[in-house]
Amino acid sequence: MSKGWESKSVEEQQAEASASSPSTSELTPEAKRADAERKRRIQSLELQRERVLSERTSSPHRRSALEFALATIERELEQLGWSIKL
């Protein structure tokens, strides 16, 4: 029963996501390419963010560099319209 409930929740989330964004059939070819590139960039930045968050270090210099990298990545993601997915 639990699995069915989870599936319904996922289906509802997908329906909401598709309803909130314009249909790809409504976009021009240039807009489709730009949207695809934006999504690829967001995915790449999300992966970089996860890698930075997973690193552990006792070096204060390395920690500072990681914090700066994380801030830079999150700033770029915000510029692309990204929101934190929990």
PDB file of N, CA and C in Angstrom:
ATOM      1  N   MET A   1       0.818  -1.183   0.000  1.00  0.00           N
ATOM      2  CA  MET A   1       0.000   0.000   0.000  1.00  0.00           C
ATOM      3  C   MET A   1       0.867   1.255   0.000  1.00  0.00           C
ATOM      4  N   SER A   2       1.946   1.209   0.729  1.00  0.00           N
ATOM      5  CA  SER A   2       2.838   2.357   0.803  1.00  0.00           C
ATOM      6  C   SER A   2       3.397   2.709  -0.566  1.00  0.00           C
ATOM      7  N   LYS A   3       3.776   1.687  -1.335  1.00  0.00           N
ATOM      8  CA  LYS A   3       4.368   1.937  -2.637  1.00  0.00           C
ATOM      9  C   LYS A   3       3.379   2.641  -3.562  1.00  0.00           C
ATOM     10  N   GLY A   4       2.139   2.228  -3.544  1.00  0.00           N
ATOM     11  CA  GLY A   4       1.119   2.867  -4.369  1.00  0.00           C
ATOM     12  C   GLY A   4       0.933   4.325  -3.994  1.00  0.00           C
ATOM     13  N   TRP A   5       0.976   4.623  -2.715  1.00  0.00           N
ATOM     14  CA  TRP A   5       0.827   6.005  -2.253  1.00  0.00           C
ATOM     15  C   TRP A   5       1.979   6.855  -2.755  1.00  0.00           C
ATOM     16  N   GLU A   6       3.211   6.305  -2.674  1.00  0.00           N
ATOM     17  CA  GLU A   6       4.378   7.039  -3.158  1.00  0.00           C
ATOM     18  C   GLU A   6       4.257   7.302  -4.658  1.00  0.00           C
ATOM     19  N   SER A   7       3.797   6.306  -5.413  1.00  0.00           N
ATOM     20  CA  SER A   7       3.663   6.475  -6.852  1.00  0.00           C
ATOM     21  C   SER A   7       2.671   7.575  -7.170  1.00  0.00           C
ATOM     22  N   LYS A   8       1.576   7.606  -6.432  1.00  0.00           N
ATOM     23  CA  LYS A   8       0.590   8.647  -6.667  1.00  0.00           C
ATOM     24  C   LYS A   8       1.188  10.019  -6.385  1.00  0.00           C
ATOM     25  N   SER A   9       1.955  10.121  -5.331  1.00  0.00           N
ATOM     26  CA  SER A   9       2.576  11.387  -4.994  1.00  0.00           C
ATOM     27  C   SER A   9       3.532  11.826  -6.102  1.00  0.00           C
ATOM     28  N   VAL A  10       4.312  10.911  -6.621  1.00  0.00           N
ATOM     29  CA  VAL A  10       5.248  11.233  -7.709  1.00  0.00           C
ATOM     30  C   VAL A  10       4.477  11.671  -8.940  1.00  0.00           C
ATOM     31  N   GLU A  11       3.402  10.950  -9.255  1.00  0.00           N
ATOM     32  CA  GLU A  11       2.594  11.320 -10.423  1.00  0.00           C
ATOM     33  C   GLU A  11       1.996  12.713 -10.251  1.00  0.00           C
ATOM     34  N   GLU A  12       1.535  13.020  -9.049  1.00  0.00           N
ATOM     35  CA  GLU A  12       0.985  14.342  -8.784  1.00  0.00           C
ATOM     36  C   GLU A  12       2.058  15.414  -8.942  1.00  0.00           C
ATOM     37  N   GLN A  13       3.260  15.133  -8.450  1.00  0.00           N
ATOM     38  CA  GLN A  13       4.357  16.093  -8.565  1.00  0.00           C
ATOM     39  C   GLN A  13       4.707  16.337 -10.027  1.00  0.00           C
ATOM     40  N   GLN A  14       4.730  15.268 -10.819  1.00  0.00           N
ATOM     41  CA  GLN A  14       5.048  15.418 -12.239  1.00  0.00           C
ATOM     42  C   GLN A  14       3.967  16.209 -12.965  1.00  0.00           C
ATOM     43  N   ALA A  15       2.715  15.977 -12.605  1.00  0.00           N
ATOM     44  CA  ALA A  15       1.618  16.704 -13.227  1.00  0.00           C
ATOM     45  C   ALA A  15       1.700  18.191 -12.885  1.00  0.00           C
ATOM     46  N   GLU A  16       2.026  18.500 -11.628  1.00  0.00           N
ATOM     47  CA  GLU A  16       2.159  19.892 -11.222  1.00  0.00           C
ATOM     48  C   GLU A  16       3.313  20.565 -11.947  1.00  0.00           C
ATOM     49  N   ALA A  17       4.417  19.846 -12.092  1.00  0.00           N
ATOM     50  CA  ALA A  17       5.587  20.417 -12.772  1.00  0.00           C
ATOM     51  C   ALA A  17       5.272  20.688 -14.237  1.00  0.00           C
ATOM     52  N   SER A  18       4.592  19.775 -14.895  1.00  0.00           N
ATOM     53  CA  SER A  18       4.284  19.984 -16.304  1.00  0.00           C
ATOM     54  C   SER A  18       3.236  21.070 -16.485  1.00  0.00           C
ATOM     55  N   ALA A  19       2.343  21.236 -15.514  1.00  0.00           N
ATOM     56  CA  ALA A  19       1.324  22.272 -15.612  1.00  0.00           C
ATOM     57  C   ALA A  19       1.920  23.661 -15.399  1.00  0.00           C
ATOM     58  N   SER A  20       2.960  23.748 -14.574  1.00  0.00           N
ATOM     59  CA  SER A  20       3.537  25.050 -14.263  1.00  0.00           C
ATOM     60  C   SER A  20       4.495  25.556 -15.332  1.00  0.00           C
ATOM     61  N   SER A  21       5.038  24.669 -16.156  1.00  0.00           N
ATOM     62  CA  SER A  21       5.948  25.106 -17.216  1.00  0.00           C
ATOM     63  C   SER A  21       5.256  24.991 -18.564  1.00  0.00           C
ATOM     64  N   PRO A  22       5.606  25.866 -19.505  1.00  0.00           N
ATOM     65  CA  PRO A  22       4.953  25.815 -20.812  1.00  0.00           C
ATOM     66  C   PRO A  22       5.297  24.522 -21.531  1.00  0.00           C
ATOM     67  N   SER A  23       4.372  24.043 -22.301  1.00  0.00           N
ATOM     68  CA  SER A  23       4.573  22.824 -23.070  1.00  0.00           C
ATOM     69  C   SER A  23       5.703  23.042 -24.071  1.00  0.00           C
ATOM     70  N   THR A  24       6.530  22.020 -24.250  1.00  0.00           N
ATOM     71  CA  THR A  24       7.638  22.155 -25.196  1.00  0.00           C
ATOM     72  C   THR A  24       7.133  22.288 -26.624  1.00  0.00           C
ATOM     73  N   SER A  25       5.919  21.797 -26.897  1.00  0.00           N
ATOM     74  CA  SER A  25       5.380  21.938 -28.248  1.00  0.00           C
ATOM     75  C   SER A  25       5.014  23.388 -28.550  1.00  0.00           C
ATOM     76  N   GLU A  26       4.842  24.212 -27.510  1.00  0.00           N
ATOM     77  CA  GLU A  26       4.502  25.619 -27.690  1.00  0.00           C
ATOM     78  C   GLU A  26       5.738  26.487 -27.909  1.00  0.00           C
ATOM     79  N   LEU A  27       6.924  25.944 -27.682  1.00  0.00           N
ATOM     80  CA  LEU A  27       8.156  26.717 -27.785  1.00  0.00           C
ATOM     81  C   LEU A  27       8.737  26.645 -29.193  1.00  0.00           C
ATOM     82  N   THR A  28       9.436  27.702 -29.568  1.00  0.00           N
ATOM     83  CA  THR A  28      10.140  27.700 -30.848  1.00  0.00           C
ATOM     84  C   THR A  28      11.369  26.799 -30.717  1.00  0.00           C
ATOM     85  N   PRO A  29      11.946  26.377 -31.828  1.00  0.00           N
ATOM     86  CA  PRO A  29      13.143  25.536 -31.753  1.00  0.00           C
ATOM     87  C   PRO A  29      14.284  26.192 -30.959  1.00  0.00           C
ATOM     88  N   GLU A  30      14.439  27.504 -31.128  1.00  0.00           N
ATOM     89  CA  GLU A  30      15.499  28.209 -30.386  1.00  0.00           C
ATOM     90  C   GLU A  30      15.197  28.192 -28.893  1.00  0.00           C
ATOM     91  N   ALA A  31      13.936  28.390 -28.537  1.00  0.00           N
ATOM     92  CA  ALA A  31      13.541  28.379 -27.126  1.00  0.00           C
ATOM     93  C   ALA A  31      13.705  26.979 -26.532  1.00  0.00           C
ATOM     94  N   LYS A  32      13.419  25.956 -27.338  1.00  0.00           N
ATOM     95  CA  LYS A  32      13.597  24.576 -26.865  1.00  0.00           C
ATOM     96  C   LYS A  32      15.066  24.301 -26.571  1.00  0.00           C
ATOM     97  N   ARG A  33      15.937  24.742 -27.472  1.00  0.00           N
ATOM     98  CA  ARG A  33      17.373  24.544 -27.267  1.00  0.00           C
ATOM     99  C   ARG A  33      17.848  25.299 -26.034  1.00  0.00           C
ATOM    100  N   ALA A  34      17.385  26.531 -25.876  1.00  0.00           N
ATOM    101  CA  ALA A  34      17.775  27.338 -24.716  1.00  0.00           C
ATOM    102  C   ALA A  34      17.277  26.700 -23.424  1.00  0.00           C
ATOM    103  N   ASP A  35      16.053  26.177 -23.454  1.00  0.00           N
ATOM    104  CA  ASP A  35      15.493  25.522 -22.271  1.00  0.00           C
ATOM    105  C   ASP A  35      16.273  24.256 -21.939  1.00  0.00           C
ATOM    106  N   ALA A  36      16.621  23.484 -22.962  1.00  0.00           N
ATOM    107  CA  ALA A  36      17.393  22.260 -22.743  1.00  0.00           C
ATOM    108  C   ALA A  36      18.778  22.590 -22.182  1.00  0.00           C
ATOM    109  N   GLU A  37      19.406  23.631 -22.715  1.00  0.00           N
ATOM    110  CA  GLU A  37      20.728  24.040 -22.228  1.00  0.00           C
ATOM    111  C   GLU A  37      20.641  24.515 -20.773  1.00  0.00           C
ATOM    112  N   ARG A  38      19.594  25.268 -20.448  1.00  0.00           N
ATOM    113  CA  ARG A  38      19.391  25.739 -19.075  1.00  0.00           C
ATOM    114  C   ARG A  38      19.232  24.557 -18.118  1.00  0.00           C
ATOM    115  N   LYS A  39      18.447  23.560 -18.546  1.00  0.00           N
ATOM    116  CA  LYS A  39      18.239  22.375 -17.700  1.00  0.00           C
ATOM    117  C   LYS A  39      19.541  21.601 -17.518  1.00  0.00           C
ATOM    118  N   ARG A  40      20.331  21.478 -18.582  1.00  0.00           N
ATOM    119  CA  ARG A  40      21.631  20.791 -18.473  1.00  0.00           C
ATOM    120  C   ARG A  40      22.562  21.545 -17.530  1.00  0.00           C
ATOM    121  N   ARG A  41      22.559  22.868 -17.629  1.00  0.00           N
ATOM    122  CA  ARG A  41      23.417  23.698 -16.761  1.00  0.00           C
ATOM    123  C   ARG A  41      22.994  23.550 -15.300  1.00  0.00           C
ATOM    124  N   ILE A  42      21.686  23.560 -15.057  1.00  0.00           N
ATOM    125  CA  ILE A  42      21.187  23.380 -13.689  1.00  0.00           C
ATOM    126  C   ILE A  42      21.587  22.015 -13.161  1.00  0.00           C
ATOM    127  N   GLN A  43      21.440  20.975 -13.972  1.00  0.00           N
ATOM    128  CA  GLN A  43      21.812  19.627 -13.539  1.00  0.00           C
ATOM    129  C   GLN A  43      23.302  19.557 -13.221  1.00  0.00           C
ATOM    130  N   SER A  44      24.122  20.163 -14.054  1.00  0.00           N
ATOM    131  CA  SER A  44      25.561  20.170 -13.825  1.00  0.00           C
ATOM    132  C   SER A  44      25.904  20.895 -12.518  1.00  0.00           C
ATOM    133  N   LEU A  45      25.280  22.048 -12.308  1.00  0.00           N
ATOM    134  CA  LEU A  45      25.537  22.805 -11.081  1.00  0.00           C
ATOM    135  C   LEU A  45      25.036  22.069  -9.844  1.00  0.00           C
ATOM    136  N   GLU A  46      23.914  21.356  -9.968  1.00  0.00           N
ATOM    137  CA  GLU A  46      23.406  20.573  -8.841  1.00  0.00           C
ATOM    138  C   GLU A  46      24.400  19.467  -8.462  1.00  0.00           C
ATOM    139  N   LEU A  47      24.977  18.835  -9.472  1.00  0.00           N
ATOM    140  CA  LEU A  47      25.974  17.790  -9.207  1.00  0.00           C
ATOM    141  C   LEU A  47      27.220  18.382  -8.535  1.00  0.00           C
ATOM    142  N   GLN A  48      27.652  19.544  -9.010  1.00  0.00           N
ATOM    143  CA  GLN A  48      28.803  20.212  -8.393  1.00  0.00           C
ATOM    144  C   GLN A  48      28.490  20.578  -6.941  1.00  0.00           C
ATOM    145  N   ARG A  49      27.277  21.053  -6.719  1.00  0.00           N
ATOM    146  CA  ARG A  49      26.860  21.442  -5.362  1.00  0.00           C
ATOM    147  C   ARG A  49      26.885  20.230  -4.432  1.00  0.00           C
ATOM    148  N   GLU A  50      26.355  19.106  -4.906  1.00  0.00           N
ATOM    149  CA  GLU A  50      26.350  17.884  -4.100  1.00  0.00           C
ATOM    150  C   GLU A  50      27.771  17.426  -3.776  1.00  0.00           C
ATOM    151  N   ARG A  51      28.673  17.534  -4.756  1.00  0.00           N
ATOM    152  CA  ARG A  51      30.057  17.129  -4.518  1.00  0.00           C
ATOM    153  C   ARG A  51      30.695  18.010  -3.453  1.00  0.00           C
ATOM    154  N   VAL A  52      30.485  19.323  -3.564  1.00  0.00           N
ATOM    155  CA  VAL A  52      31.056  20.253  -2.578  1.00  0.00           C
ATOM    156  C   VAL A  52      30.487  19.965  -1.194  1.00  0.00           C
ATOM    157  N   LEU A  53      29.181  19.734  -1.121  1.00  0.00           N
ATOM    158  CA  LEU A  53      28.560  19.466   0.178  1.00  0.00           C
ATOM    159  C   LEU A  53      29.047  18.158   0.794  1.00  0.00           C
ATOM    160  N   SER A  54      29.441  17.202  -0.030  1.00  0.00           N
ATOM    161  CA  SER A  54      29.873  15.906   0.491  1.00  0.00           C
ATOM    162  C   SER A  54      31.328  15.896   0.952  1.00  0.00           C
ATOM    163  N   GLU A  55      32.103  16.911   0.582  1.00  0.00           N
ATOM    164  CA  GLU A  55      33.513  16.947   0.972  1.00  0.00           C
ATOM    165  C   GLU A  55      33.674  17.320   2.432  1.00  0.00           C
ATOM    166  N   ARG A  56      34.590  16.649   3.079  1.00  0.00           N
ATOM    167  CA  ARG A  56      34.918  16.930   4.476  1.00  0.00           C
ATOM    168  C   ARG A  56      36.408  17.257   4.543  1.00  0.00           C
ATOM    169  N   THR A  57      36.738  18.257   5.325  1.00  0.00           N
ATOM    170  CA  THR A  57      38.145  18.634   5.460  1.00  0.00           C
ATOM    171  C   THR A  57      38.369  19.290   6.813  1.00  0.00           C
ATOM    172  N   SER A  58      39.575  19.126   7.307  1.00  0.00           N
ATOM    173  CA  SER A  58      39.936  19.801   8.557  1.00  0.00           C
ATOM    174  C   SER A  58      40.771  21.057   8.276  1.00  0.00           C
ATOM    175  N   SER A  59      41.145  21.231   7.026  1.00  0.00           N
ATOM    176  CA  SER A  59      41.948  22.385   6.644  1.00  0.00           C
ATOM    177  C   SER A  59      41.074  23.637   6.543  1.00  0.00           C
ATOM    178  N   PRO A  60      41.397  24.671   7.295  1.00  0.00           N
ATOM    179  CA  PRO A  60      40.586  25.898   7.217  1.00  0.00           C
ATOM    180  C   PRO A  60      40.653  26.554   5.836  1.00  0.00           C
ATOM    181  N   HIS A  61      41.785  26.431   5.159  1.00  0.00           N
ATOM    182  CA  HIS A  61      41.916  27.019   3.822  1.00  0.00           C
ATOM    183  C   HIS A  61      41.031  26.275   2.825  1.00  0.00           C
ATOM    184  N   ARG A  62      41.049  24.954   2.911  1.00  0.00           N
ATOM    185  CA  ARG A  62      40.224  24.145   2.007  1.00  0.00           C
ATOM    186  C   ARG A  62      38.740  24.381   2.301  1.00  0.00           C
ATOM    187  N   ARG A  63      38.381  24.470   3.572  1.00  0.00           N
ATOM    188  CA  ARG A  63      36.996  24.706   3.969  1.00  0.00           C
ATOM    189  C   ARG A  63      36.521  26.050   3.418  1.00  0.00           C
ATOM    190  N   SER A  64      37.379  27.061   3.506  1.00  0.00           N
ATOM    191  CA  SER A  64      37.042  28.380   2.981  1.00  0.00           C
ATOM    192  C   SER A  64      36.818  28.316   1.470  1.00  0.00           C
ATOM    193  N   ALA A  65      37.672  27.595   0.784  1.00  0.00           N
ATOM    194  CA  ALA A  65      37.531  27.453  -0.669  1.00  0.00           C
ATOM    195  C   ALA A  65      36.231  26.734  -1.021  1.00  0.00           C
ATOM    196  N   LEU A  66      35.878  25.704  -0.252  1.00  0.00           N
ATOM    197  CA  LEU A  66      34.632  24.978  -0.497  1.00  0.00           C
ATOM    198  C   LEU A  66      33.412  25.866  -0.238  1.00  0.00           C
ATOM    199  N   GLU A  67      33.467  26.665   0.806  1.00  0.00           N
ATOM    200  CA  GLU A  67      32.357  27.572   1.104  1.00  0.00           C
ATOM    201  C   GLU A  67      32.187  28.602  -0.013  1.00  0.00           C
ATOM    202  N   PHE A  68      33.297  29.109  -0.520  1.00  0.00           N
ATOM    203  CA  PHE A  68      33.238  30.060  -1.621  1.00  0.00           C
ATOM    204  C   PHE A  68      32.662  29.389  -2.869  1.00  0.00           C
ATOM    205  N   ALA A  69      33.121  28.170  -3.158  1.00  0.00           N
ATOM    206  CA  ALA A  69      32.623  27.438  -4.324  1.00  0.00           C
ATOM    207  C   ALA A  69      31.121  27.179  -4.197  1.00  0.00           C
ATOM    208  N   LEU A  70      30.688  26.802  -3.016  1.00  0.00           N
ATOM    209  CA  LEU A  70      29.265  26.539  -2.787  1.00  0.00           C
ATOM    210  C   LEU A  70      28.440  27.808  -2.992  1.00  0.00           C
ATOM    211  N   ALA A  71      28.904  28.917  -2.476  1.00  0.00           N
ATOM    212  CA  ALA A  71      28.190  30.187  -2.640  1.00  0.00           C
ATOM    213  C   ALA A  71      28.101  30.568  -4.119  1.00  0.00           C
ATOM    214  N   THR A  72      29.183  30.361  -4.852  1.00  0.00           N
ATOM    215  CA  THR A  72      29.208  30.677  -6.285  1.00  0.00           C
ATOM    216  C   THR A  72      28.222  29.804  -7.045  1.00  0.00           C
ATOM    217  N   ILE A  73      28.225  28.515  -6.750  1.00  0.00           N
ATOM    218  CA  ILE A  73      27.322  27.573  -7.422  1.00  0.00           C
ATOM    219  C   ILE A  73      25.870  27.938  -7.124  1.00  0.00           C
ATOM    220  N   GLU A  74      25.561  28.195  -5.867  1.00  0.00           N
ATOM    221  CA  GLU A  74      24.182  28.521  -5.505  1.00  0.00           C
ATOM    222  C   GLU A  74      23.732  29.846  -6.127  1.00  0.00           C
ATOM    223  N   ARG A  75      24.632  30.802  -6.258  1.00  0.00           N
ATOM    224  CA  ARG A  75      24.306  32.066  -6.905  1.00  0.00           C
ATOM    225  C   ARG A  75      23.966  31.831  -8.386  1.00  0.00           C
ATOM    226  N   GLU A  76      24.758  31.008  -9.057  1.00  0.00           N
ATOM    227  CA  GLU A  76      24.483  30.695 -10.461  1.00  0.00           C
ATOM    228  C   GLU A  76      23.155  29.968 -10.605  1.00  0.00           C
ATOM    229  N   LEU A  77      22.886  29.034  -9.685  1.00  0.00           N
ATOM    230  CA  LEU A  77      21.622  28.309  -9.731  1.00  0.00           C
ATOM    231  C   LEU A  77      20.433  29.252  -9.546  1.00  0.00           C
ATOM    232  N   GLU A  78      20.545  30.184  -8.625  1.00  0.00           N
ATOM    233  CA  GLU A  78      19.467  31.150  -8.409  1.00  0.00           C
ATOM    234  C   GLU A  78      19.233  31.996  -9.651  1.00  0.00           C
ATOM    235  N   GLN A  79      20.300  32.370 -10.346  1.00  0.00           N
ATOM    236  CA  GLN A  79      20.173  33.154 -11.569  1.00  0.00           C
ATOM    237  C   GLN A  79      19.441  32.376 -12.653  1.00  0.00           C
ATOM    238  N   LEU A  80      19.547  31.044 -12.598  1.00  0.00           N
ATOM    239  CA  LEU A  80      18.869  30.191 -13.572  1.00  0.00           C
ATOM    240  C   LEU A  80      17.448  29.845 -13.146  1.00  0.00           C
ATOM    241  N   GLY A  81      17.021  30.364 -11.997  1.00  0.00           N
ATOM    242  CA  GLY A  81      15.655  30.114 -11.542  1.00  0.00           C
ATOM    243  C   GLY A  81      15.489  28.829 -10.770  1.00  0.00           C
ATOM    244  N   TRP A  82      16.563  28.321 -10.218  1.00  0.00           N
ATOM    245  CA  TRP A  82      16.554  27.067  -9.486  1.00  0.00           C
ATOM    246  C   TRP A  82      16.074  27.293  -8.070  1.00  0.00           C
ATOM    247  N   SER A  83      15.362  26.308  -7.525  1.00  0.00           N
ATOM    248  CA  SER A  83      15.002  26.369  -6.119  1.00  0.00           C
ATOM    249  C   SER A  83      15.420  25.053  -5.475  1.00  0.00           C
ATOM    250  N   ILE A  84      15.721  25.101  -4.196  1.00  0.00           N
ATOM    251  CA  ILE A  84      16.204  23.911  -3.487  1.00  0.00           C
ATOM    252  C   ILE A  84      15.129  22.849  -3.487  1.00  0.00           C
ATOM    253  N   LYS A  85      15.527  21.638  -3.896  1.00  0.00           N
ATOM    254  CA  LYS A  85      14.624  20.496  -3.905  1.00  0.00           C
ATOM    255  C   LYS A  85      14.891  19.647  -2.687  1.00  0.00           C
ATOM    256  N   LEU A  86      13.938  19.581  -1.817  1.00  0.00           N
ATOM    257  CA  LEU A  86      14.118  18.797  -0.595  1.00  0.00           C
ATOM    258  C   LEU A  86      13.550  17.424  -0.741  1.00  0.00           C
TER     259      LEU A  86
END
